[in-house]
Amino acid sequence: MLVFGIESSCDETGVALFDSDSQTLLAHTLHTQMAMHAEYGGVVPELASRDHIRRLVPLTNECLQKAGKTYADIHAIGYTQGPGLGGALLTGAAFANALAFALNIPVIEVHHLEGHLLSPFLSEKNIRFPFLALLVSGGHTQIMAVEAVGKYTLLGESIDDAAGEAFDKTAKLLGLPYPGGAKLSQLAELGKDGAFDFPRPMIHSGDFEMSFSGLKTAVLTAVNQERQKYGDRLPESVRNDICRAFQTAVVDVLYSKVKAALGQTGFTQVVVAGGVGANAALRAKLKTLNAEVFFPAHEWCTDNGAMIAYAAAQHLDKAHQAGGFTVKPRWRLQ
């Protein structure tokens, strides 16, 4: 069965075609709005929604052409119902239901975070249930016990800023261009260990909860102190050292919480998903755990249609006739 996936939860428009019989991704196409939003220093929801509308049909045509298929070959359509930006979600939901209605095929609503959680399966065949999942992105930082597809237990999460959000906000206060999280990580590789010592919030809390807003405040304090010495433009070496100290603090917290969760659950595998899962320092640290650790390929770390198509293919029993629909901007995975 060929399942078409549509992702439009924020600032990436992604579509993909997945063969559920052979468990093979046939093709995918993706457009990022990064350059458009950079002018504003962050995602503008109305602009994001309008751009999804412009991109969905051309991307769909391109995807089908890559796969050597036509609209008539699609058997079901999966789309991101939430969480995400309401207007952006509506564009994908409307397109999915309209297309499914026209083709007389069923639709499947997909949870965006489940798409991320299952994305490593697109490139890794050795993952076994149950496992521990670290969902770490710009909008969410959660540790989940995964018993099976659709059976998830939240063990802990960030009580304020997500890790990716903290990366982007810290990059912004350092004057890095949007989106700054990835740039901050690059500069951190050039910094020196120990030049700054930032707190590791809640690292000894005794549970799996996390917090990153206080860390961001500590960085702001350090930046202001350094600017009193050097002026508004910090020396590159100082900026790089701050980036490294910040990244190290985040990685230490995530590592500590995952290690503790492994000890409690007794699981032997960890699956990392989400945009921050591409961070090289985090990958290197997690690989030192006494467990098998799996990461999605870099192309599946950011939002994409392939993960939605894959997740939809695992829930074919939930397929239903297209028609009235709603979206869920806030939606807990459990």
C-alpha atoms as a PDB file:
ATOM      1  CA  MET A   1       0.000   0.000   0.000  1.00  0.00           C
ATOM      2  CA  LEU A   2       1.397   3.409  -0.961  1.00  0.00           C
ATOM      3  CA  VAL A   3       0.981   6.014   1.783  1.00  0.00           C
ATOM      4  CA  PHE A   4       1.482   9.690   1.006  1.00  0.00           C
ATOM      5  CA  GLY A   5       2.680  11.837   3.939  1.00  0.00           C
ATOM      6  CA  ILE A   6       2.244  15.593   4.418  1.00  0.00           C
ATOM      7  CA  GLU A   7       4.086  17.717   6.994  1.00  0.00           C
ATOM      8  CA  SER A   8       3.218  21.398   7.503  1.00  0.00           C
ATOM      9  CA  SER A   9       3.379  22.000  11.255  1.00  0.00           C
ATOM     10  CA  CYS A  10       5.753  24.965  11.224  1.00  0.00           C
ATOM     11  CA  ASP A  11       8.272  26.301   8.701  1.00  0.00           C
ATOM     12  CA  GLU A  12       9.018  23.252   6.538  1.00  0.00           C
ATOM     13  CA  THR A  13       6.725  21.874   3.868  1.00  0.00           C
ATOM     14  CA  GLY A  14       7.440  18.199   3.338  1.00  0.00           C
ATOM     15  CA  VAL A  15       5.766  15.405   1.408  1.00  0.00           C
ATOM     16  CA  ALA A  16       6.758  11.787   0.855  1.00  0.00           C
ATOM     17  CA  LEU A  17       5.566   8.493  -0.588  1.00  0.00           C
ATOM     18  CA  PHE A  18       6.086   5.336   1.491  1.00  0.00           C
ATOM     19  CA  ASP A  19       5.418   1.704   0.523  1.00  0.00           C
ATOM     20  CA  SER A  20       3.979  -0.009   3.602  1.00  0.00           C
ATOM     21  CA  ASP A  21       4.330  -3.498   2.086  1.00  0.00           C
ATOM     22  CA  SER A  22       8.082  -3.292   1.531  1.00  0.00           C
ATOM     23  CA  GLN A  23       8.600  -0.672   4.277  1.00  0.00           C
ATOM     24  CA  THR A  24      10.448   1.452   1.725  1.00  0.00           C
ATOM     25  CA  LEU A  25      10.551   5.197   1.240  1.00  0.00           C
ATOM     26  CA  LEU A  26       9.993   5.733  -2.474  1.00  0.00           C
ATOM     27  CA  ALA A  27      10.537   9.506  -2.638  1.00  0.00           C
ATOM     28  CA  HIS A  28      10.300  12.713  -0.636  1.00  0.00           C
ATOM     29  CA  THR A  29      10.526  16.449  -1.288  1.00  0.00           C
ATOM     30  CA  LEU A  30      11.034  19.289   1.155  1.00  0.00           C
ATOM     31  CA  HIS A  31      10.997  23.071   1.177  1.00  0.00           C
ATOM     32  CA  THR A  32      12.317  25.070   4.115  1.00  0.00           C
ATOM     33  CA  GLN A  33      11.137  28.615   4.828  1.00  0.00           C
ATOM     34  CA  MET A  34      14.331  29.451   6.705  1.00  0.00           C
ATOM     35  CA  ALA A  35      15.438  32.244   4.375  1.00  0.00           C
ATOM     36  CA  MET A  36      11.990  33.857   4.392  1.00  0.00           C
ATOM     37  CA  HIS A  37      11.737  33.996   8.185  1.00  0.00           C
ATOM     38  CA  ALA A  38      15.373  35.064   8.691  1.00  0.00           C
ATOM     39  CA  GLU A  39      14.425  38.630   7.793  1.00  0.00           C
ATOM     40  CA  TYR A  40      12.173  38.723  10.867  1.00  0.00           C
ATOM     41  CA  GLY A  41      14.441  36.850  13.260  1.00  0.00           C
ATOM     42  CA  GLY A  42      11.906  34.059  13.782  1.00  0.00           C
ATOM     43  CA  VAL A  43       8.930  32.244  12.322  1.00  0.00           C
ATOM     44  CA  VAL A  44       5.998  34.470  11.309  1.00  0.00           C
ATOM     45  CA  PRO A  45       2.945  32.155  11.488  1.00  0.00           C
ATOM     46  CA  GLU A  46       0.849  33.894   8.821  1.00  0.00           C
ATOM     47  CA  LEU A  47       3.715  33.901   6.340  1.00  0.00           C
ATOM     48  CA  ALA A  48       4.414  30.250   7.122  1.00  0.00           C
ATOM     49  CA  SER A  49       0.804  29.287   6.380  1.00  0.00           C
ATOM     50  CA  ARG A  50       0.714  31.148   3.092  1.00  0.00           C
ATOM     51  CA  ASP A  51       3.965  29.593   1.955  1.00  0.00           C
ATOM     52  CA  HIS A  52       2.691  26.080   2.699  1.00  0.00           C
ATOM     53  CA  ILE A  53      -0.263  26.784   0.419  1.00  0.00           C
ATOM     54  CA  ARG A  54       2.081  27.795  -2.394  1.00  0.00           C
ATOM     55  CA  ARG A  55       4.382  24.774  -1.982  1.00  0.00           C
ATOM     56  CA  LEU A  56       2.114  21.779  -1.400  1.00  0.00           C
ATOM     57  CA  VAL A  57       0.964  21.074  -4.958  1.00  0.00           C
ATOM     58  CA  PRO A  58       4.373  21.575  -6.657  1.00  0.00           C
ATOM     59  CA  LEU A  59       6.119  19.465  -4.017  1.00  0.00           C
ATOM     60  CA  THR A  60       3.518  16.722  -4.374  1.00  0.00           C
ATOM     61  CA  ASN A  61       3.931  16.638  -8.148  1.00  0.00           C
ATOM     62  CA  GLU A  62       7.723  16.532  -7.790  1.00  0.00           C
ATOM     63  CA  CYS A  63       7.551  13.712  -5.229  1.00  0.00           C
ATOM     64  CA  LEU A  64       5.297  11.563  -7.396  1.00  0.00           C
ATOM     65  CA  GLN A  65       7.522  12.193 -10.410  1.00  0.00           C
ATOM     66  CA  LYS A  66      10.597  11.092  -8.424  1.00  0.00           C
ATOM     67  CA  ALA A  67       8.819   7.903  -7.396  1.00  0.00           C
ATOM     68  CA  GLY A  68       7.553   7.215 -10.907  1.00  0.00           C
ATOM     69  CA  LYS A  69       3.976   7.188  -9.627  1.00  0.00           C
ATOM     70  CA  THR A  70       0.751   9.107 -10.270  1.00  0.00           C
ATOM     71  CA  TYR A  71      -2.013  10.370  -8.005  1.00  0.00           C
ATOM     72  CA  ALA A  72      -4.016   7.258  -8.894  1.00  0.00           C
ATOM     73  CA  ASP A  73      -1.324   5.058  -7.300  1.00  0.00           C
ATOM     74  CA  ILE A  74      -1.793   6.561  -3.796  1.00  0.00           C
ATOM     75  CA  HIS A  75      -3.798   4.344  -1.429  1.00  0.00           C
ATOM     76  CA  ALA A  76      -3.921   6.541   1.710  1.00  0.00           C
ATOM     77  CA  ILE A  77      -2.805   9.975   2.905  1.00  0.00           C
ATOM     78  CA  GLY A  78      -1.264  10.724   6.289  1.00  0.00           C
ATOM     79  CA  TYR A  79      -0.906  14.297   7.520  1.00  0.00           C
ATOM     80  CA  THR A  80       0.321  16.122  10.601  1.00  0.00           C
ATOM     81  CA  GLN A  81      -2.686  17.014  12.737  1.00  0.00           C
ATOM     82  CA  GLY A  82      -0.585  18.557  15.514  1.00  0.00           C
ATOM     83  CA  PRO A  83       1.082  19.882  17.503  1.00  0.00           C
ATOM     84  CA  GLY A  84       2.280  23.004  15.699  1.00  0.00           C
ATOM     85  CA  LEU A  85       1.128  26.372  14.381  1.00  0.00           C
ATOM     86  CA  GLY A  86      -2.640  26.327  13.889  1.00  0.00           C
ATOM     87  CA  GLY A  87      -2.680  27.995  10.480  1.00  0.00           C
ATOM     88  CA  ALA A  88       0.217  25.935   9.176  1.00  0.00           C
ATOM     89  CA  LEU A  89      -1.428  22.709  10.325  1.00  0.00           C
ATOM     90  CA  LEU A  90      -4.691  23.703   8.652  1.00  0.00           C
ATOM     91  CA  THR A  91      -3.030  24.048   5.251  1.00  0.00           C
ATOM     92  CA  GLY A  92      -1.734  20.481   5.333  1.00  0.00           C
ATOM     93  CA  ALA A  93      -4.947  19.092   6.804  1.00  0.00           C
ATOM     94  CA  ALA A  94      -7.103  20.827   4.194  1.00  0.00           C
ATOM     95  CA  PHE A  95      -4.900  19.711   1.323  1.00  0.00           C
ATOM     96  CA  ALA A  96      -4.767  16.121   2.603  1.00  0.00           C
ATOM     97  CA  ASN A  97      -8.525  15.830   3.054  1.00  0.00           C
ATOM     98  CA  ALA A  98      -9.337  17.519  -0.242  1.00  0.00           C
ATOM     99  CA  LEU A  99      -6.918  15.296  -2.146  1.00  0.00           C
ATOM    100  CA  ALA A 100      -8.133  12.154  -0.384  1.00  0.00           C
ATOM    101  CA  PHE A 101     -11.758  13.090  -1.062  1.00  0.00           C
ATOM    102  CA  ALA A 102     -11.007  13.635  -4.745  1.00  0.00           C
ATOM    103  CA  LEU A 103      -9.150  10.308  -5.008  1.00  0.00           C
ATOM    104  CA  ASN A 104     -11.689   8.465  -2.824  1.00  0.00           C
ATOM    105  CA  ILE A 105      -8.986   7.174  -0.479  1.00  0.00           C
ATOM    106  CA  PRO A 106      -8.735   7.335   3.337  1.00  0.00           C
ATOM    107  CA  VAL A 107      -6.748   9.725   5.541  1.00  0.00           C
ATOM    108  CA  ILE A 108      -4.712   9.132   8.708  1.00  0.00           C
ATOM    109  CA  GLU A 109      -4.026  11.851  11.293  1.00  0.00           C
ATOM    110  CA  VAL A 110      -0.431  11.777  12.566  1.00  0.00           C
ATOM    111  CA  HIS A 111       1.086  13.214  15.734  1.00  0.00           C
ATOM    112  CA  HIS A 112       4.119  15.314  14.763  1.00  0.00           C
ATOM    113  CA  LEU A 113       6.206  14.050  17.687  1.00  0.00           C
ATOM    114  CA  GLU A 114       5.404  10.437  16.867  1.00  0.00           C
ATOM    115  CA  GLY A 115       6.752  11.141  13.402  1.00  0.00           C
ATOM    116  CA  HIS A 116      10.010  12.347  14.936  1.00  0.00           C
ATOM    117  CA  LEU A 117      10.123   9.462  17.413  1.00  0.00           C
ATOM    118  CA  LEU A 118       9.771   6.859  14.661  1.00  0.00           C
ATOM    119  CA  SER A 119      12.004   8.639  12.124  1.00  0.00           C
ATOM    120  CA  PRO A 120      15.158   6.621  12.976  1.00  0.00           C
ATOM    121  CA  PHE A 121      13.346   3.548  11.624  1.00  0.00           C
ATOM    122  CA  LEU A 122      13.632   5.102   8.156  1.00  0.00           C
ATOM    123  CA  SER A 123      17.343   4.354   8.110  1.00  0.00           C
ATOM    124  CA  GLU A 124      17.905   1.901  10.983  1.00  0.00           C
ATOM    125  CA  LYS A 125      16.541  -1.653  11.048  1.00  0.00           C
ATOM    126  CA  ASN A 126      18.076  -2.831  14.333  1.00  0.00           C
ATOM    127  CA  ILE A 127      15.862  -0.883  16.743  1.00  0.00           C
ATOM    128  CA  ARG A 128      13.795  -3.156  18.969  1.00  0.00           C
ATOM    129  CA  PHE A 129      10.891  -2.437  21.299  1.00  0.00           C
ATOM    130  CA  PRO A 130      10.907  -1.464  24.107  1.00  0.00           C
ATOM    131  CA  PHE A 131      13.354   1.439  24.062  1.00  0.00           C
ATOM    132  CA  LEU A 132      13.981   4.847  25.574  1.00  0.00           C
ATOM    133  CA  ALA A 133      13.327   7.854  23.350  1.00  0.00           C
ATOM    134  CA  LEU A 134      14.830  11.312  23.691  1.00  0.00           C
ATOM    135  CA  LEU A 135      12.739  13.787  21.706  1.00  0.00           C
ATOM    136  CA  VAL A 136      14.794  16.942  21.504  1.00  0.00           C
ATOM    137  CA  SER A 137      13.803  19.764  19.189  1.00  0.00           C
ATOM    138  CA  GLY A 138      13.001  23.464  19.050  1.00  0.00           C
ATOM    139  CA  GLY A 139       9.569  22.927  20.532  1.00  0.00           C
ATOM    140  CA  HIS A 140       9.883  19.848  22.731  1.00  0.00           C
ATOM    141  CA  THR A 141      12.366  18.087  24.989  1.00  0.00           C
ATOM    142  CA  GLN A 142      10.948  14.847  26.377  1.00  0.00           C
ATOM    143  CA  ILE A 143      12.114  11.444  27.561  1.00  0.00           C
ATOM    144  CA  MET A 144       9.675   8.673  26.665  1.00  0.00           C
ATOM    145  CA  ALA A 145       9.431   4.964  27.419  1.00  0.00           C
ATOM    146  CA  VAL A 146       8.364   3.351  24.140  1.00  0.00           C
ATOM    147  CA  GLU A 147       6.757  -0.073  24.512  1.00  0.00           C
ATOM    148  CA  ALA A 148       5.419  -0.323  20.955  1.00  0.00           C
ATOM    149  CA  VAL A 149       4.096   1.865  18.153  1.00  0.00           C
ATOM    150  CA  GLY A 150       1.397   3.994  19.758  1.00  0.00           C
ATOM    151  CA  LYS A 151       2.307   3.015  23.324  1.00  0.00           C
ATOM    152  CA  TYR A 152       4.328   5.843  24.892  1.00  0.00           C
ATOM    153  CA  THR A 153       4.874   6.844  28.502  1.00  0.00           C
ATOM    154  CA  LEU A 154       6.262  10.289  29.322  1.00  0.00           C
ATOM    155  CA  LEU A 155       9.016  10.000  31.933  1.00  0.00           C
ATOM    156  CA  GLY A 156      10.131  13.615  31.972  1.00  0.00           C
ATOM    157  CA  GLU A 157      10.306  16.826  29.974  1.00  0.00           C
ATOM    158  CA  SER A 158      11.529  20.395  30.042  1.00  0.00           C
ATOM    159  CA  ILE A 159       9.316  22.489  32.300  1.00  0.00           C
ATOM    160  CA  ASP A 160      10.115  25.664  30.343  1.00  0.00           C
ATOM    161  CA  ASP A 161      12.246  26.185  27.228  1.00  0.00           C
ATOM    162  CA  ALA A 162      12.920  23.190  25.015  1.00  0.00           C
ATOM    163  CA  ALA A 163      16.606  22.530  24.362  1.00  0.00           C
ATOM    164  CA  GLY A 164      16.386  23.673  20.749  1.00  0.00           C
ATOM    165  CA  GLU A 165      14.540  26.817  21.803  1.00  0.00           C
ATOM    166  CA  ALA A 166      17.275  27.560  24.335  1.00  0.00           C
ATOM    167  CA  PHE A 167      19.889  27.118  21.602  1.00  0.00           C
ATOM    168  CA  ASP A 168      18.100  29.565  19.302  1.00  0.00           C
ATOM    169  CA  LYS A 169      17.450  32.173  22.027  1.00  0.00           C
ATOM    170  CA  THR A 170      21.043  32.007  23.255  1.00  0.00           C
ATOM    171  CA  ALA A 171      22.289  32.391  19.697  1.00  0.00           C
ATOM    172  CA  LYS A 172      20.087  35.456  19.275  1.00  0.00           C
ATOM    173  CA  LEU A 173      21.437  37.192  22.377  1.00  0.00           C
ATOM    174  CA  LEU A 174      24.938  36.516  21.032  1.00  0.00           C
ATOM    175  CA  GLY A 175      23.971  38.272  17.809  1.00  0.00           C
ATOM    176  CA  LEU A 176      24.042  35.181  15.599  1.00  0.00           C
ATOM    177  CA  PRO A 177      21.800  35.190  12.511  1.00  0.00           C
ATOM    178  CA  TYR A 178      18.522  33.232  12.501  1.00  0.00           C
ATOM    179  CA  PRO A 179      18.184  30.321  12.878  1.00  0.00           C
ATOM    180  CA  GLY A 180      21.054  30.500  15.324  1.00  0.00           C
ATOM    181  CA  GLY A 181      21.047  27.129  17.056  1.00  0.00           C
ATOM    182  CA  ALA A 182      23.012  25.344  14.360  1.00  0.00           C
ATOM    183  CA  LYS A 183      25.467  28.248  14.073  1.00  0.00           C
ATOM    184  CA  LEU A 184      25.980  28.242  17.851  1.00  0.00           C
ATOM    185  CA  SER A 185      26.892  24.554  17.672  1.00  0.00           C
ATOM    186  CA  GLN A 186      29.433  25.248  14.938  1.00  0.00           C
ATOM    187  CA  LEU A 187      31.078  28.028  16.959  1.00  0.00           C
ATOM    188  CA  ALA A 188      31.089  25.822  20.065  1.00  0.00           C
ATOM    189  CA  GLU A 189      33.504  23.504  18.271  1.00  0.00           C
ATOM    190  CA  LEU A 190      35.951  26.418  18.131  1.00  0.00           C
ATOM    191  CA  GLY A 191      35.654  27.318  21.812  1.00  0.00           C
ATOM    192  CA  LYS A 192      37.781  26.207  24.768  1.00  0.00           C
ATOM    193  CA  ASP A 193      36.588  23.936  27.545  1.00  0.00           C
ATOM    194  CA  GLY A 194      36.367  25.578  30.974  1.00  0.00           C
ATOM    195  CA  ALA A 195      36.514  29.207  29.872  1.00  0.00           C
ATOM    196  CA  PHE A 196      33.004  29.674  31.301  1.00  0.00           C
ATOM    197  CA  ASP A 197      31.109  27.539  33.777  1.00  0.00           C
ATOM    198  CA  PHE A 198      27.334  27.620  33.392  1.00  0.00           C
ATOM    199  CA  PRO A 199      24.825  25.846  35.647  1.00  0.00           C
ATOM    200  CA  ARG A 200      23.253  22.485  34.840  1.00  0.00           C
ATOM    201  CA  PRO A 201      19.648  23.173  35.936  1.00  0.00           C
ATOM    202  CA  MET A 202      17.818  20.293  37.661  1.00  0.00           C
ATOM    203  CA  ILE A 203      20.612  17.849  36.917  1.00  0.00           C
ATOM    204  CA  HIS A 204      20.334  16.539  40.500  1.00  0.00           C
ATOM    205  CA  SER A 205      16.540  16.838  40.817  1.00  0.00           C
ATOM    206  CA  GLY A 206      16.082  13.108  41.273  1.00  0.00           C
ATOM    207  CA  ASP A 207      13.554  12.877  38.442  1.00  0.00           C
ATOM    208  CA  PHE A 208      13.619  13.232  34.669  1.00  0.00           C
ATOM    209  CA  GLU A 209      12.367  16.821  34.473  1.00  0.00           C
ATOM    210  CA  MET A 210      14.571  19.446  32.806  1.00  0.00           C
ATOM    211  CA  SER A 211      14.850  23.232  32.657  1.00  0.00           C
ATOM    212  CA  PHE A 212      16.836  25.447  30.315  1.00  0.00           C
ATOM    213  CA  SER A 213      15.502  28.977  30.887  1.00  0.00           C
ATOM    214  CA  GLY A 214      17.823  29.534  33.860  1.00  0.00           C
ATOM    215  CA  LEU A 215      20.799  28.439  31.795  1.00  0.00           C
ATOM    216  CA  LYS A 216      19.830  30.969  29.147  1.00  0.00           C
ATOM    217  CA  THR A 217      19.704  33.677  31.847  1.00  0.00           C
ATOM    218  CA  ALA A 218      23.161  32.676  33.096  1.00  0.00           C
ATOM    219  CA  VAL A 219      24.521  33.091  29.570  1.00  0.00           C
ATOM    220  CA  LEU A 220      22.885  36.529  29.311  1.00  0.00           C
ATOM    221  CA  THR A 221      24.575  37.577  32.561  1.00  0.00           C
ATOM    222  CA  ALA A 222      27.955  36.385  31.301  1.00  0.00           C
ATOM    223  CA  VAL A 223      27.482  38.163  27.966  1.00  0.00           C
ATOM    224  CA  ASN A 224      26.625  41.422  29.693  1.00  0.00           C
ATOM    225  CA  GLN A 225      29.715  41.129  31.908  1.00  0.00           C
ATOM    226  CA  GLU A 226      31.946  40.484  28.906  1.00  0.00           C
ATOM    227  CA  ARG A 227      30.439  43.441  27.037  1.00  0.00           C
ATOM    228  CA  GLN A 228      31.436  45.687  29.909  1.00  0.00           C
ATOM    229  CA  LYS A 229      35.024  44.708  29.113  1.00  0.00           C
ATOM    230  CA  TYR A 230      34.940  44.640  25.323  1.00  0.00           C
ATOM    231  CA  GLY A 231      31.915  46.656  24.211  1.00  0.00           C
ATOM    232  CA  ASP A 232      28.918  45.404  22.244  1.00  0.00           C
ATOM    233  CA  ARG A 233      31.044  43.406  19.825  1.00  0.00           C
ATOM    234  CA  LEU A 234      32.583  40.498  21.701  1.00  0.00           C
ATOM    235  CA  PRO A 235      35.892  39.025  20.527  1.00  0.00           C
ATOM    236  CA  GLU A 236      35.263  35.884  18.483  1.00  0.00           C
ATOM    237  CA  SER A 237      37.240  33.789  20.969  1.00  0.00           C
ATOM    238  CA  VAL A 238      35.035  34.903  23.876  1.00  0.00           C
ATOM    239  CA  ARG A 239      31.866  34.317  21.881  1.00  0.00           C
ATOM    240  CA  ASN A 240      33.057  30.843  20.889  1.00  0.00           C
ATOM    241  CA  ASP A 241      33.938  29.988  24.497  1.00  0.00           C
ATOM    242  CA  ILE A 242      30.445  31.027  25.625  1.00  0.00           C
ATOM    243  CA  CYS A 243      28.900  28.881  22.901  1.00  0.00           C
ATOM    244  CA  ARG A 244      30.947  25.891  23.976  1.00  0.00           C
ATOM    245  CA  ALA A 245      30.127  26.295  27.668  1.00  0.00           C
ATOM    246  CA  PHE A 246      26.419  26.652  26.918  1.00  0.00           C
ATOM    247  CA  GLN A 247      26.352  23.608  24.647  1.00  0.00           C
ATOM    248  CA  THR A 248      28.298  21.532  27.151  1.00  0.00           C
ATOM    249  CA  ALA A 249      25.813  22.409  29.899  1.00  0.00           C
ATOM    250  CA  VAL A 250      22.822  21.373  27.763  1.00  0.00           C
ATOM    251  CA  VAL A 251      24.487  18.140  26.688  1.00  0.00           C
ATOM    252  CA  ASP A 252      25.434  17.286  30.284  1.00  0.00           C
ATOM    253  CA  VAL A 253      21.822  17.708  31.430  1.00  0.00           C
ATOM    254  CA  LEU A 254      20.395  15.607  28.597  1.00  0.00           C
ATOM    255  CA  TYR A 255      23.019  12.905  29.090  1.00  0.00           C
ATOM    256  CA  SER A 256      22.427  12.757  32.844  1.00  0.00           C
ATOM    257  CA  LYS A 257      18.646  12.446  32.487  1.00  0.00           C
ATOM    258  CA  VAL A 258      18.845   9.773  29.792  1.00  0.00           C
ATOM    259  CA  LYS A 259      21.389   7.787  31.810  1.00  0.00           C
ATOM    260  CA  ALA A 260      19.124   7.887  34.872  1.00  0.00           C
ATOM    261  CA  ALA A 261      16.079   6.878  32.806  1.00  0.00           C
ATOM    262  CA  LEU A 262      17.987   3.891  31.417  1.00  0.00           C
ATOM    263  CA  GLY A 263      18.808   2.836  34.951  1.00  0.00           C
ATOM    264  CA  GLN A 264      15.162   3.012  36.026  1.00  0.00           C
ATOM    265  CA  THR A 265      13.626   1.308  32.988  1.00  0.00           C
ATOM    266  CA  GLY A 266      16.334  -1.288  32.376  1.00  0.00           C
ATOM    267  CA  PHE A 267      16.101  -0.602  28.632  1.00  0.00           C
ATOM    268  CA  THR A 268      19.178  -1.284  26.536  1.00  0.00           C
ATOM    269  CA  GLN A 269      18.432   0.948  23.547  1.00  0.00           C
ATOM    270  CA  VAL A 270      18.028   4.708  23.168  1.00  0.00           C
ATOM    271  CA  VAL A 271      16.478   6.417  20.163  1.00  0.00           C
ATOM    272  CA  VAL A 272      17.217  10.123  19.690  1.00  0.00           C
ATOM    273  CA  ALA A 273      14.936  12.209  17.479  1.00  0.00           C
ATOM    274  CA  GLY A 274      14.306  15.845  16.621  1.00  0.00           C
ATOM    275  CA  GLY A 275      16.405  18.692  15.276  1.00  0.00           C
ATOM    276  CA  VAL A 276      18.863  18.848  18.186  1.00  0.00           C
ATOM    277  CA  GLY A 277      19.538  15.173  17.527  1.00  0.00           C
ATOM    278  CA  ALA A 278      21.838  16.375  14.755  1.00  0.00           C
ATOM    279  CA  ASN A 279      24.110  18.091  17.296  1.00  0.00           C
ATOM    280  CA  ALA A 280      27.557  16.482  17.098  1.00  0.00           C
ATOM    281  CA  ALA A 281      28.455  17.059  20.758  1.00  0.00           C
ATOM    282  CA  LEU A 282      25.196  15.479  21.944  1.00  0.00           C
ATOM    283  CA  ARG A 283      25.701  12.486  19.662  1.00  0.00           C
ATOM    284  CA  ALA A 284      29.251  11.956  20.908  1.00  0.00           C
ATOM    285  CA  LYS A 285      28.231  12.169  24.571  1.00  0.00           C
ATOM    286  CA  LEU A 286      25.233   9.843  24.251  1.00  0.00           C
ATOM    287  CA  LYS A 287      27.353   7.260  22.457  1.00  0.00           C
ATOM    288  CA  THR A 288      29.288   6.805  25.726  1.00  0.00           C
ATOM    289  CA  LEU A 289      26.152   5.433  27.428  1.00  0.00           C
ATOM    290  CA  ASN A 290      26.093   1.754  28.313  1.00  0.00           C
ATOM    291  CA  ALA A 291      23.396   1.189  25.691  1.00  0.00           C
ATOM    292  CA  GLU A 292      22.838   1.050  21.959  1.00  0.00           C
ATOM    293  CA  VAL A 293      22.035   4.562  20.765  1.00  0.00           C
ATOM    294  CA  PHE A 294      20.291   5.251  17.464  1.00  0.00           C
ATOM    295  CA  PHE A 295      20.025   8.588  15.690  1.00  0.00           C
ATOM    296  CA  PRO A 296      17.978   9.508  12.626  1.00  0.00           C
ATOM    297  CA  ALA A 297      19.935  10.343   9.498  1.00  0.00           C
ATOM    298  CA  HIS A 298      20.602  14.086   9.436  1.00  0.00           C
ATOM    299  CA  GLU A 299      17.982  14.641   6.724  1.00  0.00           C
ATOM    300  CA  TRP A 300      15.299  13.242   9.075  1.00  0.00           C
ATOM    301  CA  CYS A 301      16.268  15.398  12.066  1.00  0.00           C
ATOM    302  CA  THR A 302      14.352  18.430  10.860  1.00  0.00           C
ATOM    303  CA  ASP A 303      10.629  18.343  10.015  1.00  0.00           C
ATOM    304  CA  ASN A 304       9.920  16.287   6.887  1.00  0.00           C
ATOM    305  CA  GLY A 305       7.203  14.391   5.089  1.00  0.00           C
ATOM    306  CA  ALA A 306       9.020  11.046   5.217  1.00  0.00           C
ATOM    307  CA  MET A 307       8.557  10.672   8.962  1.00  0.00           C
ATOM    308  CA  ILE A 308       4.842  11.466   8.617  1.00  0.00           C
ATOM    309  CA  ALA A 309       4.386   8.963   5.807  1.00  0.00           C
ATOM    310  CA  TYR A 310       6.207   6.303   7.849  1.00  0.00           C
ATOM    311  CA  ALA A 311       4.173   6.996  10.989  1.00  0.00           C
ATOM    312  CA  ALA A 312       0.924   6.926   8.985  1.00  0.00           C
ATOM    313  CA  ALA A 313       1.919   3.560   7.488  1.00  0.00           C
ATOM    314  CA  GLN A 314       2.184   2.156  11.023  1.00  0.00           C
ATOM    315  CA  HIS A 315      -1.384   3.249  11.746  1.00  0.00           C
ATOM    316  CA  LEU A 316      -3.269   2.010   8.704  1.00  0.00           C
ATOM    317  CA  ASP A 317      -5.881   0.601  11.069  1.00  0.00           C
ATOM    318  CA  LYS A 318      -6.833   4.209  11.882  1.00  0.00           C
ATOM    319  CA  ALA A 319      -7.454   5.191   8.254  1.00  0.00           C
ATOM    320  CA  HIS A 320     -10.903   6.661   7.673  1.00  0.00           C
ATOM    321  CA  GLN A 321     -12.884   8.458   5.009  1.00  0.00           C
ATOM    322  CA  ALA A 322     -11.859  12.050   4.303  1.00  0.00           C
ATOM    323  CA  GLY A 323     -14.295  14.759   5.268  1.00  0.00           C
ATOM    324  CA  GLY A 324     -14.604  17.143   8.188  1.00  0.00           C
ATOM    325  CA  PHE A 325     -11.301  17.711   9.970  1.00  0.00           C
ATOM    326  CA  THR A 326      -9.678  19.599  12.786  1.00  0.00           C
ATOM    327  CA  VAL A 327      -6.116  20.309  13.912  1.00  0.00           C
ATOM    328  CA  LYS A 328      -4.486  20.136  17.336  1.00  0.00           C
ATOM    329  CA  PRO A 329      -1.908  22.916  17.884  1.00  0.00           C
ATOM    330  CA  ARG A 330      -1.425  21.524  21.405  1.00  0.00           C
ATOM    331  CA  TRP A 331      -1.462  17.752  21.650  1.00  0.00           C
ATOM    332  CA  ARG A 332       0.377  15.520  24.107  1.00  0.00           C
ATOM    333  CA  LEU A 333       1.878  12.416  22.578  1.00  0.00           C
ATOM    334  CA  GLN A 334       0.505  10.157  25.291  1.00  0.00           C
END
